[in-house]
Amino acid sequence: MEQITLPDDFQDLCSWYMWDHDLMSDRSLQRAQSSMEEIQSFYDAMLPRMEKILKYLVTVPMSDDMEPASKSLLNLAKSMAEVAPAVEQFFEPTISFGFDTTRWEHGPE
C-alpha cells in the first residue's frame, strides 16, 4: 500500500500511509521495524491532531463495513497509541530489557 484516502479534514496525514494497519500485530511490527526518528516524526505529526481525530471518530459507526477513509484514520489513531510508549516512556522502538513481543501469538482482533 502506498496511498490512503482520509476524510477531508485529515488529508495532510495521508503521507503516513505506512502506519495504516488493521491488525495490532502489524502495527506492533511497524513500530518495531521503524527507527526512533521515524516513530518520532509520526508521533509529532499525529499528536496535535489527535483531539480532532477522536472527535471525528466518535461520530462514525464502528464496524467491519466502515468507510475506507474513516477506517484508515482509525488505524492511524491506533498506530499513534502503539508508538506513544516508545516516545514517551522507553525512548526506543522496542523494550530492549523486556519480553520480545514478536514471540506473541496474536489472536483475532
Foldseek 3Di string as FASTA:
>chain_A
DQFAAAPPVCRVLRNVQCQQDPDPVSLLVSLQPDWLVVLVVLLVVCVVCVVVLVVVLVVFDDDPPGDRNNSSSVSSNVSNVQSVCCVPPQVGSDNPPDDDVVPDDDDDD
